[in-house]
Structures are given as C-alpha cells and as structure tokens.
Amino acid sequence: GGSLKLSCAGSERIFSIYSMRWFRQPTGKQRELVATITN
C-alpha cells in the first residue's frame, strides 16, 4: 500500500533517444516490461 520512486540517470548525454523503459525481474522468474515512455 505504500509508495516508492525509482530514478535512473545516464552518466553522459544520450542523443536521439527512442524510448526509456523500466523492466523488473522477480527472483526465479523472467524479466518483464513494466512501463515505457517514448521520446
């Protein structure tokens, strides 16, 4: 029921980004796509 905010920062400038995505992988399971945001 609580909240959390994740951040992800690039170490340098990234040009011409198509999309940014978050995936997750529970222990023992496959990685799954959680969310996508386009350019």
PDB file of all heavy atoms in Angstrom:
ATOM      1  N   GLY A   1       0.794  -1.220   0.000  1.00  0.00           N
ATOM      2  CA  GLY A   1       0.000   0.000   0.000  1.00  0.00           C
ATOM      3  C   GLY A   1       0.824   1.266   0.000  1.00  0.00           C
ATOM      4  O   GLY A   1       0.283   2.372  -0.182  1.00  0.00           O
ATOM      5  N   GLY A   2       2.123   1.127   0.184  1.00  0.00           N
ATOM      6  CA  GLY A   2       2.999   2.288   0.236  1.00  0.00           C
ATOM      7  C   GLY A   2       3.451   2.754  -1.139  1.00  0.00           C
ATOM      8  O   GLY A   2       2.964   2.281  -2.168  1.00  0.00           O
ATOM      9  N   SER A   3       4.397   3.698  -1.125  1.00  0.00           N
ATOM     10  CA  SER A   3       4.891   4.301  -2.365  1.00  0.00           C
ATOM     11  C   SER A   3       6.407   4.327  -2.391  1.00  0.00           C
ATOM     12  O   SER A   3       7.060   4.346  -1.345  1.00  0.00           O
ATOM     13  CB  SER A   3       4.362   5.731  -2.498  1.00  0.00           C
ATOM     14  OG  SER A   3       2.957   5.761  -2.563  1.00  0.00           O
ATOM     15  N   LEU A   4       6.923   4.356  -3.617  1.00  0.00           N
ATOM     16  CA  LEU A   4       8.363   4.405  -3.827  1.00  0.00           C
ATOM     17  C   LEU A   4       8.590   5.051  -5.183  1.00  0.00           C
ATOM     18  O   LEU A   4       7.778   4.873  -6.100  1.00  0.00           O
ATOM     19  CB  LEU A   4       8.929   2.982  -3.826  1.00  0.00           C
ATOM     20  CG  LEU A   4      10.349   2.700  -3.366  1.00  0.00           C
ATOM     21  CD1 LEU A   4      10.528   3.158  -1.918  1.00  0.00           C
ATOM     22  CD2 LEU A   4      10.671   1.222  -3.488  1.00  0.00           C
ATOM     23  N   LYS A   5       9.682   5.795  -5.316  1.00  0.00           N
ATOM     24  CA  LYS A   5      10.003   6.393  -6.609  1.00  0.00           C
ATOM     25  C   LYS A   5      11.414   6.005  -7.018  1.00  0.00           C
ATOM     26  O   LYS A   5      12.376   6.284  -6.299  1.00  0.00           O
ATOM     27  CB  LYS A   5       9.875   7.916  -6.567  1.00  0.00           C
ATOM     28  CG  LYS A   5      10.043   8.572  -7.932  1.00  0.00           C
ATOM     29  CD  LYS A   5       9.715  10.046  -7.899  1.00  0.00           C
ATOM     30  CE  LYS A   5       9.802  10.680  -9.288  1.00  0.00           C
ATOM     31  NZ  LYS A   5       9.418  12.123  -9.279  1.00  0.00           N
ATOM     32  N   LEU A   6      11.517   5.361  -8.171  1.00  0.00           N
ATOM     33  CA  LEU A   6      12.802   4.951  -8.711  1.00  0.00           C
ATOM     34  C   LEU A   6      13.301   6.001  -9.699  1.00  0.00           C
ATOM     35  O   LEU A   6      12.513   6.623 -10.409  1.00  0.00           O
ATOM     36  CB  LEU A   6      12.688   3.605  -9.420  1.00  0.00           C
ATOM     37  CG  LEU A   6      12.072   2.446  -8.632  1.00  0.00           C
ATOM     38  CD1 LEU A   6      12.095   1.167  -9.467  1.00  0.00           C
ATOM     39  CD2 LEU A   6      12.786   2.243  -7.324  1.00  0.00           C
ATOM     40  N   SER A   7      14.625   6.161  -9.742  1.00  0.00           N
ATOM     41  CA  SER A   7      15.256   7.060 -10.696  1.00  0.00           C
ATOM     42  C   SER A   7      16.346   6.307 -11.441  1.00  0.00           C
ATOM     43  O   SER A   7      16.949   5.374 -10.912  1.00  0.00           O
ATOM     44  CB  SER A   7      15.879   8.263  -9.984  1.00  0.00           C
ATOM     45  OG  SER A   7      14.917   8.999  -9.276  1.00  0.00           O
ATOM     46  N   CYS A   8      16.574   6.738 -12.669  1.00  0.00           N
ATOM     47  CA  CYS A   8      17.636   6.139 -13.479  1.00  0.00           C
ATOM     48  C   CYS A   8      18.271   7.260 -14.286  1.00  0.00           C
ATOM     49  O   CYS A   8      17.585   7.918 -15.081  1.00  0.00           O
ATOM     50  CB  CYS A   8      17.052   5.081 -14.404  1.00  0.00           C
ATOM     51  SG  CYS A   8      18.187   4.484 -15.670  1.00  0.00           S
ATOM     52  N   ALA A   9      19.559   7.477 -14.076  1.00  0.00           N
ATOM     53  CA  ALA A   9      20.246   8.576 -14.740  1.00  0.00           C
ATOM     54  C   ALA A   9      21.409   8.076 -15.581  1.00  0.00           C
ATOM     55  O   ALA A   9      22.172   7.200 -15.145  1.00  0.00           O
ATOM     56  CB  ALA A   9      20.759   9.562 -13.699  1.00  0.00           C
ATOM     57  N   GLY A  10      21.544   8.648 -16.768  1.00  0.00           N
ATOM     58  CA  GLY A  10      22.674   8.311 -17.620  1.00  0.00           C
ATOM     59  C   GLY A  10      23.908   9.080 -17.200  1.00  0.00           C
ATOM     60  O   GLY A  10      23.819  10.212 -16.727  1.00  0.00           O
ATOM     61  N   SER A  11      25.070   8.461 -17.388  1.00  0.00           N
ATOM     62  CA  SER A  11      26.325   9.075 -16.943  1.00  0.00           C
ATOM     63  C   SER A  11      26.797  10.181 -17.885  1.00  0.00           C
ATOM     64  O   SER A  11      27.659  10.975 -17.522  1.00  0.00           O
ATOM     65  CB  SER A  11      27.421   8.001 -16.843  1.00  0.00           C
ATOM     66  OG  SER A  11      27.614   7.375 -18.113  1.00  0.00           O
ATOM     67  N   GLU A  12      26.237  10.216 -19.100  1.00  0.00           N
ATOM     68  CA  GLU A  12      26.576  11.265 -20.045  1.00  0.00           C
ATOM     69  C   GLU A  12      25.412  11.464 -21.007  1.00  0.00           C
ATOM     70  O   GLU A  12      24.445  10.706 -20.988  1.00  0.00           O
ATOM     71  CB  GLU A  12      27.846  10.904 -20.810  1.00  0.00           C
ATOM     72  CG  GLU A  12      27.770   9.591 -21.594  1.00  0.00           C
ATOM     73  CD  GLU A  12      29.108   9.198 -22.187  1.00  0.00           C
ATOM     74  OE1 GLU A  12      29.976   8.728 -21.435  1.00  0.00           O
ATOM     75  OE2 GLU A  12      29.260   9.371 -23.412  1.00  0.00           O
ATOM     76  N   ARG A  13      25.536  12.487 -21.822  1.00  0.00           N
ATOM     77  CA  ARG A  13      24.464  12.824 -22.748  1.00  0.00           C
ATOM     78  C   ARG A  13      24.207  11.663 -23.708  1.00  0.00           C
ATOM     79  O   ARG A  13      25.141  11.080 -24.253  1.00  0.00           O
ATOM     80  CB  ARG A  13      24.849  14.068 -23.541  1.00  0.00           C
ATOM     81  CG  ARG A  13      23.786  14.553 -24.512  1.00  0.00           C
ATOM     82  CD  ARG A  13      22.631  15.193 -23.808  1.00  0.00           C
ATOM     83  NE  ARG A  13      21.577  15.605 -24.726  1.00  0.00           N
ATOM     84  CZ  ARG A  13      21.507  16.807 -25.287  1.00  0.00           C
ATOM     85  NH1 ARG A  13      22.428  17.715 -25.032  1.00  0.00           N
ATOM     86  NH2 ARG A  13      20.509  17.089 -26.106  1.00  0.00           N
ATOM     87  N   ILE A  14      22.924  11.349 -23.894  1.00  0.00           N
ATOM     88  CA  ILE A  14      22.499  10.320 -24.846  1.00  0.00           C
ATOM     89  C   ILE A  14      21.673  11.000 -25.926  1.00  0.00           C
ATOM     90  O   ILE A  14      20.636  11.589 -25.637  1.00  0.00           O
ATOM     91  CB  ILE A  14      21.668   9.218 -24.154  1.00  0.00           C
ATOM     92  CG1 ILE A  14      22.465   8.569 -23.031  1.00  0.00           C
ATOM     93  CG2 ILE A  14      21.240   8.156 -25.175  1.00  0.00           C
ATOM     94  CD1 ILE A  14      21.660   7.587 -22.193  1.00  0.00           C
ATOM     95  N   PHE A  15      22.146  10.924 -27.146  1.00  0.00           N
ATOM     96  CA  PHE A  15      21.473  11.609 -28.246  1.00  0.00           C
ATOM     97  C   PHE A  15      20.432  10.709 -28.910  1.00  0.00           C
ATOM     98  O   PHE A  15      20.563   9.502 -28.922  1.00  0.00           O
ATOM     99  CB  PHE A  15      22.500  12.062 -29.287  1.00  0.00           C
ATOM    100  CG  PHE A  15      23.428  13.124 -28.783  1.00  0.00           C
ATOM    101  CD1 PHE A  15      24.651  12.784 -28.224  1.00  0.00           C
ATOM    102  CD2 PHE A  15      23.086  14.465 -28.846  1.00  0.00           C
ATOM    103  CE1 PHE A  15      25.516  13.743 -27.737  1.00  0.00           C
ATOM    104  CE2 PHE A  15      23.944  15.444 -28.365  1.00  0.00           C
ATOM    105  CZ  PHE A  15      25.157  15.085 -27.807  1.00  0.00           C
ATOM    106  N   SER A  16      19.413  11.338 -29.449  1.00  0.00           N
ATOM    107  CA  SER A  16      18.400  10.647 -30.244  1.00  0.00           C
ATOM    108  C   SER A  16      17.820   9.437 -29.513  1.00  0.00           C
ATOM    109  O   SER A  16      17.905   8.300 -29.984  1.00  0.00           O
ATOM    110  CB  SER A  16      18.988  10.215 -31.591  1.00  0.00           C
ATOM    111  OG  SER A  16      19.462  11.333 -32.299  1.00  0.00           O
ATOM    112  N   ILE A  17      17.249   9.709 -28.349  1.00  0.00           N
ATOM    113  CA  ILE A  17      16.612   8.636 -27.568  1.00  0.00           C
ATOM    114  C   ILE A  17      15.287   8.253 -28.224  1.00  0.00           C
ATOM    115  O   ILE A  17      14.468   9.112 -28.544  1.00  0.00           O
ATOM    116  CB  ILE A  17      16.383   9.089 -26.118  1.00  0.00           C
ATOM    117  CG1 ILE A  17      17.739   9.258 -25.406  1.00  0.00           C
ATOM    118  CG2 ILE A  17      15.513   8.092 -25.371  1.00  0.00           C
ATOM    119  CD1 ILE A  17      17.632   9.829 -24.008  1.00  0.00           C
ATOM    120  N   TYR A  18      15.097   6.955 -28.410  1.00  0.00           N
ATOM    121  CA  TYR A  18      13.824   6.458 -28.946  1.00  0.00           C
ATOM    122  C   TYR A  18      12.811   6.246 -27.818  1.00  0.00           C
ATOM    123  O   TYR A  18      11.662   6.652 -27.924  1.00  0.00           O
ATOM    124  CB  TYR A  18      14.013   5.132 -29.682  1.00  0.00           C
ATOM    125  CG  TYR A  18      14.896   5.201 -30.907  1.00  0.00           C
ATOM    126  CD1 TYR A  18      15.755   4.154 -31.227  1.00  0.00           C
ATOM    127  CD2 TYR A  18      14.864   6.298 -31.761  1.00  0.00           C
ATOM    128  CE1 TYR A  18      16.553   4.207 -32.350  1.00  0.00           C
ATOM    129  CE2 TYR A  18      15.663   6.359 -32.881  1.00  0.00           C
ATOM    130  CZ  TYR A  18      16.505   5.309 -33.165  1.00  0.00           C
ATOM    131  OH  TYR A  18      17.301   5.367 -34.282  1.00  0.00           O
ATOM    132  N   SER A  19      13.253   5.572 -26.772  1.00  0.00           N
ATOM    133  CA  SER A  19      12.362   5.282 -25.663  1.00  0.00           C
ATOM    134  C   SER A  19      13.152   5.007 -24.393  1.00  0.00           C
ATOM    135  O   SER A  19      14.345   4.687 -24.440  1.00  0.00           O
ATOM    136  CB  SER A  19      11.489   4.058 -25.986  1.00  0.00           C
ATOM    137  OG  SER A  19      12.281   2.893 -26.105  1.00  0.00           O
ATOM    138  N   MET A  20      12.457   5.140 -23.287  1.00  0.00           N
ATOM    139  CA  MET A  20      13.005   4.813 -21.974  1.00  0.00           C
ATOM    140  C   MET A  20      12.042   3.826 -21.344  1.00  0.00           C
ATOM    141  O   MET A  20      10.821   4.022 -21.411  1.00  0.00           O
ATOM    142  CB  MET A  20      13.131   6.063 -21.109  1.00  0.00           C
ATOM    143  CG  MET A  20      14.100   7.088 -21.670  1.00  0.00           C
ATOM    144  SD  MET A  20      14.038   8.623 -20.695  1.00  0.00           S
ATOM    145  CE  MET A  20      15.709   9.197 -20.847  1.00  0.00           C
ATOM    146  N   ARG A  21      12.562   2.777 -20.723  1.00  0.00           N
ATOM    147  CA  ARG A  21      11.703   1.720 -20.200  1.00  0.00           C
ATOM    148  C   ARG A  21      12.154   1.252 -18.829  1.00  0.00           C
ATOM    149  O   ARG A  21      13.325   1.393 -18.468  1.00  0.00           O
ATOM    150  CB  ARG A  21      11.709   0.519 -21.166  1.00  0.00           C
ATOM    151  CG  ARG A  21      11.215   0.857 -22.561  1.00  0.00           C
ATOM    152  CD  ARG A  21      11.189  -0.358 -23.474  1.00  0.00           C
ATOM    153  NE  ARG A  21      12.508  -0.845 -23.809  1.00  0.00           N
ATOM    154  CZ  ARG A  21      12.737  -1.916 -24.560  1.00  0.00           C
ATOM    155  NH1 ARG A  21      11.720  -2.630 -25.014  1.00  0.00           N
ATOM    156  NH2 ARG A  21      13.972  -2.278 -24.831  1.00  0.00           N
ATOM    157  N   TRP A  22      11.231   0.698 -18.095  1.00  0.00           N
ATOM    158  CA  TRP A  22      11.512   0.011 -16.840  1.00  0.00           C
ATOM    159  C   TRP A  22      11.085  -1.437 -17.000  1.00  0.00           C
ATOM    160  O   TRP A  22       9.979  -1.722 -17.463  1.00  0.00           O
ATOM    161  CB  TRP A  22      10.772   0.638 -15.669  1.00  0.00           C
ATOM    162  CG  TRP A  22      11.355   1.921 -15.196  1.00  0.00           C
ATOM    163  CD1 TRP A  22      10.970   3.183 -15.529  1.00  0.00           C
ATOM    164  CD2 TRP A  22      12.447   2.073 -14.292  1.00  0.00           C
ATOM    165  NE1 TRP A  22      11.747   4.109 -14.892  1.00  0.00           N
ATOM    166  CE2 TRP A  22      12.669   3.456 -14.118  1.00  0.00           C
ATOM    167  CE3 TRP A  22      13.270   1.178 -13.588  1.00  0.00           C
ATOM    168  CZ2 TRP A  22      13.673   3.974 -13.297  1.00  0.00           C
ATOM    169  CZ3 TRP A  22      14.262   1.687 -12.770  1.00  0.00           C
ATOM    170  CH2 TRP A  22      14.457   3.067 -12.629  1.00  0.00           C
ATOM    171  N   PHE A  23      11.961  -2.339 -16.589  1.00  0.00           N
ATOM    172  CA  PHE A  23      11.687  -3.765 -16.527  1.00  0.00           C
ATOM    173  C   PHE A  23      11.811  -4.207 -15.071  1.00  0.00           C
ATOM    174  O   PHE A  23      12.399  -3.499 -14.248  1.00  0.00           O
ATOM    175  CB  PHE A  23      12.716  -4.552 -17.353  1.00  0.00           C
ATOM    176  CG  PHE A  23      12.582  -4.397 -18.834  1.00  0.00           C
ATOM    177  CD1 PHE A  23      13.077  -3.269 -19.484  1.00  0.00           C
ATOM    178  CD2 PHE A  23      12.011  -5.384 -19.618  1.00  0.00           C
ATOM    179  CE1 PHE A  23      12.985  -3.117 -20.853  1.00  0.00           C
ATOM    180  CE2 PHE A  23      11.917  -5.258 -20.994  1.00  0.00           C
ATOM    181  CZ  PHE A  23      12.406  -4.123 -21.603  1.00  0.00           C
ATOM    182  N   ARG A  24      11.303  -5.383 -14.785  1.00  0.00           N
ATOM    183  CA  ARG A  24      11.529  -5.966 -13.468  1.00  0.00           C
ATOM    184  C   ARG A  24      11.677  -7.474 -13.597  1.00  0.00           C
ATOM    185  O   ARG A  24      11.166  -8.079 -14.537  1.00  0.00           O
ATOM    186  CB  ARG A  24      10.406  -5.625 -12.490  1.00  0.00           C
ATOM    187  CG  ARG A  24       9.046  -6.249 -12.813  1.00  0.00           C
ATOM    188  CD  ARG A  24       8.004  -5.727 -11.838  1.00  0.00           C
ATOM    189  NE  ARG A  24       6.687  -6.306 -12.097  1.00  0.00           N
ATOM    190  CZ  ARG A  24       5.578  -5.909 -11.462  1.00  0.00           C
ATOM    191  NH1 ARG A  24       5.631  -4.943 -10.544  1.00  0.00           N
ATOM    192  NH2 ARG A  24       4.416  -6.490 -11.754  1.00  0.00           N
ATOM    193  N   GLN A  25      12.389  -8.049 -12.640  1.00  0.00           N
ATOM    194  CA  GLN A  25      12.608  -9.482 -12.640  1.00  0.00           C
ATOM    195  C   GLN A  25      12.499 -10.015 -11.223  1.00  0.00           C
ATOM    196  O   GLN A  25      13.411  -9.826 -10.408  1.00  0.00           O
ATOM    197  CB  GLN A  25      13.978  -9.828 -13.230  1.00  0.00           C
ATOM    198  CG  GLN A  25      14.209 -11.316 -13.400  1.00  0.00           C
ATOM    199  CD  GLN A  25      15.426 -11.615 -14.241  1.00  0.00           C
ATOM    200  OE1 GLN A  25      16.306 -10.766 -14.428  1.00  0.00           O
ATOM    201  NE2 GLN A  25      15.490 -12.827 -14.777  1.00  0.00           N
ATOM    202  N   PRO A  26      11.380 -10.649 -10.915  1.00  0.00           N
ATOM    203  CA  PRO A  26      11.263 -11.296  -9.603  1.00  0.00           C
ATOM    204  C   PRO A  26      12.227 -12.475  -9.530  1.00  0.00           C
ATOM    205  O   PRO A  26      12.580 -13.069 -10.562  1.00  0.00           O
ATOM    206  CB  PRO A  26       9.805 -11.774  -9.573  1.00  0.00           C
ATOM    207  CG  PRO A  26       9.109 -10.976 -10.634  1.00  0.00           C
ATOM    208  CD  PRO A  26      10.138 -10.738 -11.688  1.00  0.00           C
ATOM    209  N   THR A  27      12.632 -12.818  -8.359  1.00  0.00           N
ATOM    210  CA  THR A  27      13.566 -13.928  -8.166  1.00  0.00           C
ATOM    211  C   THR A  27      13.005 -15.205  -8.765  1.00  0.00           C
ATOM    212  O   THR A  27      11.872 -15.591  -8.486  1.00  0.00           O
ATOM    213  CB  THR A  27      13.839 -14.145  -6.669  1.00  0.00           C
ATOM    214  OG1 THR A  27      14.365 -12.926  -6.123  1.00  0.00           O
ATOM    215  CG2 THR A  27      14.853 -15.256  -6.470  1.00  0.00           C
ATOM    216  N   GLY A  28      13.790 -15.840  -9.618  1.00  0.00           N
ATOM    217  CA  GLY A  28      13.382 -17.097 -10.219  1.00  0.00           C
ATOM    218  C   GLY A  28      12.428 -16.977 -11.385  1.00  0.00           C
ATOM    219  O   GLY A  28      11.958 -17.994 -11.907  1.00  0.00           O
ATOM    220  N   LYS A  29      12.134 -15.743 -11.797  1.00  0.00           N
ATOM    221  CA  LYS A  29      11.200 -15.544 -12.901  1.00  0.00           C
ATOM    222  C   LYS A  29      11.855 -14.751 -14.021  1.00  0.00           C
ATOM    223  O   LYS A  29      12.940 -14.215 -13.861  1.00  0.00           O
ATOM    224  CB  LYS A  29       9.934 -14.838 -12.409  1.00  0.00           C
ATOM    225  CG  LYS A  29       9.151 -15.636 -11.383  1.00  0.00           C
ATOM    226  CD  LYS A  29       7.858 -14.928 -11.028  1.00  0.00           C
ATOM    227  CE  LYS A  29       7.050 -15.731 -10.022  1.00  0.00           C
ATOM    228  NZ  LYS A  29       5.768 -15.060  -9.661  1.00  0.00           N
ATOM    229  N   GLN A  30      11.165 -14.673 -15.158  1.00  0.00           N
ATOM    230  CA  GLN A  30      11.702 -13.938 -16.295  1.00  0.00           C
ATOM    231  C   GLN A  30      11.526 -12.438 -16.125  1.00  0.00           C
ATOM    232  O   GLN A  30      10.627 -11.975 -15.416  1.00  0.00           O
ATOM    233  CB  GLN A  30      10.997 -14.407 -17.575  1.00  0.00           C
ATOM    234  CG  GLN A  30      11.366 -15.816 -18.002  1.00  0.00           C
ATOM    235  CD  GLN A  30      10.792 -16.170 -19.365  1.00  0.00           C
ATOM    236  OE1 GLN A  30       9.775 -15.628 -19.789  1.00  0.00           O
ATOM    237  NE2 GLN A  30      11.456 -17.071 -20.060  1.00  0.00           N
ATOM    238  N   ARG A  31      12.397 -11.710 -16.799  1.00  0.00           N
ATOM    239  CA  ARG A  31      12.289 -10.259 -16.800  1.00  0.00           C
ATOM    240  C   ARG A  31      11.047  -9.849 -17.581  1.00  0.00           C
ATOM    241  O   ARG A  31      10.746 -10.422 -18.630  1.00  0.00           O
ATOM    242  CB  ARG A  31      13.543  -9.650 -17.426  1.00  0.00           C
ATOM    243  CG  ARG A  31      13.659  -8.156 -17.308  1.00  0.00           C
ATOM    244  CD  ARG A  31      14.970  -7.648 -17.846  1.00  0.00           C
ATOM    245  NE  ARG A  31      16.104  -8.189 -17.122  1.00  0.00           N
ATOM    246  CZ  ARG A  31      17.355  -7.771 -17.288  1.00  0.00           C
ATOM    247  NH1 ARG A  31      17.632  -6.809 -18.165  1.00  0.00           N
ATOM    248  NH2 ARG A  31      18.343  -8.314 -16.611  1.00  0.00           N
ATOM    249  N   GLU A  32      10.325  -8.860 -17.073  1.00  0.00           N
ATOM    250  CA  GLU A  32       9.119  -8.391 -17.741  1.00  0.00           C
ATOM    251  C   GLU A  32       9.141  -6.876 -17.888  1.00  0.00           C
ATOM    252  O   GLU A  32       9.696  -6.162 -17.041  1.00  0.00           O
ATOM    253  CB  GLU A  32       7.867  -8.820 -16.964  1.00  0.00           C
ATOM    254  CG  GLU A  32       7.775  -8.272 -15.569  1.00  0.00           C
ATOM    255  CD  GLU A  32       6.474  -8.669 -14.865  1.00  0.00           C
ATOM    256  OE1 GLU A  32       5.600  -9.271 -15.498  1.00  0.00           O
ATOM    257  OE2 GLU A  32       6.359  -8.346 -13.665  1.00  0.00           O
ATOM    258  N   LEU A  33       8.517  -6.406 -18.954  1.00  0.00           N
ATOM    259  CA  LEU A  33       8.423  -4.977 -19.200  1.00  0.00           C
ATOM    260  C   LEU A  33       7.331  -4.383 -18.320  1.00  0.00           C
ATOM    261  O   LEU A  33       6.203  -4.877 -18.304  1.00  0.00           O
ATOM    262  CB  LEU A  33       8.105  -4.730 -20.679  1.00  0.00           C
ATOM    263  CG  LEU A  33       7.915  -3.286 -21.111  1.00  0.00           C
ATOM    264  CD1 LEU A  33       9.174  -2.461 -20.872  1.00  0.00           C
ATOM    265  CD2 LEU A  33       7.509  -3.222 -22.575  1.00  0.00           C
ATOM    266  N   VAL A  34       7.674  -3.327 -17.610  1.00  0.00           N
ATOM    267  CA  VAL A  34       6.736  -2.676 -16.687  1.00  0.00           C
ATOM    268  C   VAL A  34       6.123  -1.433 -17.326  1.00  0.00           C
ATOM    269  O   VAL A  34       4.904  -1.248 -17.288  1.00  0.00           O
ATOM    270  CB  VAL A  34       7.439  -2.298 -15.374  1.00  0.00           C
ATOM    271  CG1 VAL A  34       6.504  -1.510 -14.472  1.00  0.00           C
ATOM    272  CG2 VAL A  34       7.965  -3.538 -14.673  1.00  0.00           C
ATOM    273  N   ALA A  35       6.971  -0.573 -17.883  1.00  0.00           N
ATOM    274  CA  ALA A  35       6.477   0.688 -18.425  1.00  0.00           C
ATOM    275  C   ALA A  35       7.451   1.219 -19.468  1.00  0.00           C
ATOM    276  O   ALA A  35       8.658   0.971 -19.378  1.00  0.00           O
ATOM    277  CB  ALA A  35       6.284   1.714 -17.316  1.00  0.00           C
ATOM    278  N   THR A  36       6.895   1.937 -20.423  1.00  0.00           N
ATOM    279  CA  THR A  36       7.667   2.562 -21.500  1.00  0.00           C
ATOM    280  C   THR A  36       7.220   3.998 -21.664  1.00  0.00           C
ATOM    281  O   THR A  36       6.024   4.300 -21.541  1.00  0.00           O
ATOM    282  CB  THR A  36       7.429   1.828 -22.836  1.00  0.00           C
ATOM    283  OG1 THR A  36       7.815   0.460 -22.712  1.00  0.00           O
ATOM    284  CG2 THR A  36       8.218   2.467 -23.970  1.00  0.00           C
ATOM    285  N   ILE A  37       8.177   4.878 -21.939  1.00  0.00           N
ATOM    286  CA  ILE A  37       7.835   6.241 -22.321  1.00  0.00           C
ATOM    287  C   ILE A  37       8.625   6.579 -23.574  1.00  0.00           C
ATOM    288  O   ILE A  37       9.844   6.385 -23.626  1.00  0.00           O
ATOM    289  CB  ILE A  37       8.073   7.247 -21.176  1.00  0.00           C
ATOM    290  CG1 ILE A  37       7.527   8.627 -21.568  1.00  0.00           C
ATOM    291  CG2 ILE A  37       9.536   7.306 -20.768  1.00  0.00           C
ATOM    292  CD1 ILE A  37       7.376   9.563 -20.373  1.00  0.00           C
ATOM    293  N   THR A  38       7.923   7.038 -24.596  1.00  0.00           N
ATOM    294  CA  THR A  38       8.583   7.332 -25.866  1.00  0.00           C
ATOM    295  C   THR A  38       9.235   8.716 -25.833  1.00  0.00           C
ATOM    296  O   THR A  38       9.046   9.494 -24.889  1.00  0.00           O
ATOM    297  CB  THR A  38       7.576   7.290 -27.013  1.00  0.00           C
ATOM    298  OG1 THR A  38       6.618   8.349 -26.813  1.00  0.00           O
ATOM    299  CG2 THR A  38       6.851   5.962 -27.061  1.00  0.00           C
ATOM    300  N   ASN A  39       9.958   9.016 -26.889  1.00  0.00           N
ATOM    301  CA  ASN A  39      10.605  10.320 -26.984  1.00  0.00           C
ATOM    302  C   ASN A  39       9.577  11.444 -26.940  1.00  0.00           C
ATOM    303  O   ASN A  39       9.851  12.527 -26.412  1.00  0.00           O
ATOM    304  CB  ASN A  39      11.421  10.379 -28.263  1.00  0.00           C
ATOM    305  CG  ASN A  39      12.232  11.653 -28.372  1.00  0.00           C
ATOM    306  OD1 ASN A  39      12.873  12.061 -27.410  1.00  0.00           O
ATOM    307  ND2 ASN A  39      12.186  12.295 -29.512  1.00  0.00           N
TER     308      ASN A  39
END
